[in-house]
Amino acid sequence: MSNISEEMKMQLDKARDAAKKQMADRVAKGLPARKTPAEKAAENPTSMRAAINAKCEDCIYDPCDAGTWQEQVRNCTDTTCALHGHRLT
């Protein structure tokens, strides 16, 4: 059992290190540390969730307003939007 947990710990450490490197590389290129919803949707064009997130972020997100794009999407009041019932909750 201890071999499995040590192996799992090594895999998690490796994945964490890779994610940190990817974020550092993005920052070094002048990009945000994390991918935007549009970037995620472009990488996975068959993902309905990624497409909805990208559209909602594009529609409602204002970096000058309070809150993250997710918080602003959750607080969206445009009930005439076809995606309103499918946005992040």
Protein backbone atom coordinates (compact mmCIF):
# COMPACT_ATOMS: atom_id res chain seq x y z
CA MET A 1 0.00 0.00 0.00
CA SER A 2 2.83 2.41 0.80
CA ASN A 3 4.30 1.89 -2.69
CA ILE A 4 1.06 3.05 -4.28
CA SER A 5 0.82 6.18 -2.17
CA GLU A 6 4.48 7.05 -2.83
CA GLU A 7 3.99 6.49 -6.56
CA MET A 8 0.83 8.60 -6.50
CA LYS A 9 2.64 11.35 -4.59
CA MET A 10 5.41 11.35 -7.21
CA GLN A 11 2.82 11.60 -10.03
CA LEU A 12 1.06 14.49 -8.30
CA ASP A 13 4.34 16.30 -7.71
CA LYS A 14 5.28 15.82 -11.37
CA ALA A 15 1.88 17.13 -12.55
CA ARG A 16 2.09 20.11 -10.18
CA ASP A 17 5.60 20.96 -11.39
CA ALA A 18 4.45 20.75 -15.03
CA ALA A 19 1.49 23.05 -14.31
CA LYS A 20 3.74 25.58 -12.55
CA LYS A 21 6.15 25.53 -15.49
CA GLN A 22 3.30 26.03 -17.95
CA MET A 23 2.00 29.00 -15.95
CA ALA A 24 5.51 30.50 -15.71
CA ASP A 25 5.98 30.08 -19.48
CA ARG A 26 2.69 31.87 -20.16
CA VAL A 27 3.63 34.75 -17.85
CA ALA A 28 7.06 35.01 -19.49
CA LYS A 29 5.29 35.42 -22.86
CA GLY A 30 3.14 38.21 -21.44
CA LEU A 31 0.00 36.06 -21.26
CA PRO A 32 -2.22 35.55 -18.22
CA ALA A 33 -1.05 32.69 -16.00
CA ARG A 34 -4.22 30.71 -16.67
CA LYS A 35 -5.92 30.03 -19.98
CA THR A 36 -9.02 32.02 -20.83
CA PRO A 37 -12.33 30.26 -21.52
CA ALA A 38 -11.88 31.06 -25.23
CA GLU A 39 -8.46 29.39 -25.27
CA LYS A 40 -9.90 26.32 -23.54
CA ALA A 41 -12.79 26.17 -26.03
CA ALA A 42 -10.38 26.44 -28.97
CA GLU A 43 -8.36 23.53 -27.59
CA ASN A 44 -11.47 21.39 -27.13
CA PRO A 45 -14.00 22.37 -29.82
CA THR A 46 -16.36 19.51 -28.95
CA SER A 47 -16.85 20.66 -25.35
CA MET A 48 -20.22 22.31 -24.87
CA ARG A 49 -19.23 23.53 -21.38
CA ALA A 50 -16.08 25.19 -22.74
CA ALA A 51 -18.08 26.89 -25.51
CA ILE A 52 -20.72 28.19 -23.09
CA ASN A 53 -18.07 29.47 -20.68
CA ALA A 54 -16.24 31.22 -23.51
CA LYS A 55 -19.43 32.89 -24.81
CA CYS A 56 -20.56 33.97 -21.35
CA GLU A 57 -17.15 35.38 -20.48
CA ASP A 58 -17.04 37.25 -23.79
CA CYS A 59 -20.53 38.66 -23.24
CA ILE A 60 -20.52 39.71 -19.59
CA TYR A 61 -16.98 39.91 -18.21
CA ASP A 62 -15.64 43.37 -17.47
CA PRO A 63 -12.22 43.31 -15.80
CA CYS A 64 -12.92 46.77 -14.35
CA ASP A 65 -15.98 45.47 -12.46
CA ALA A 66 -15.74 43.61 -9.18
CA GLY A 67 -15.37 39.86 -9.22
CA THR A 68 -13.89 37.21 -11.45
CA TRP A 69 -15.43 36.34 -14.80
CA GLN A 70 -17.06 33.31 -13.12
CA GLU A 71 -18.68 35.50 -10.45
CA GLN A 72 -19.90 37.97 -13.05
CA VAL A 73 -21.38 35.15 -15.15
CA ARG A 74 -23.13 33.68 -12.09
CA ASN A 75 -24.65 37.11 -11.41
CA CYS A 76 -25.85 37.60 -15.00
CA THR A 77 -29.49 38.73 -15.13
CA ASP A 78 -30.08 38.52 -18.91
CA THR A 79 -32.88 35.97 -18.86
CA THR A 80 -33.52 36.53 -22.59
CA CYS A 81 -30.18 34.86 -23.40
CA ALA A 82 -30.54 31.30 -24.68
CA LEU A 83 -27.53 30.28 -22.55
CA HIS A 84 -28.79 31.85 -19.31
CA GLY A 85 -30.04 28.53 -17.94
CA HIS A 86 -26.76 26.81 -18.88
CA ARG A 87 -24.27 29.33 -17.46
CA LEU A 88 -22.09 28.65 -14.43
CA THR A 89 -24.07 28.44 -11.22
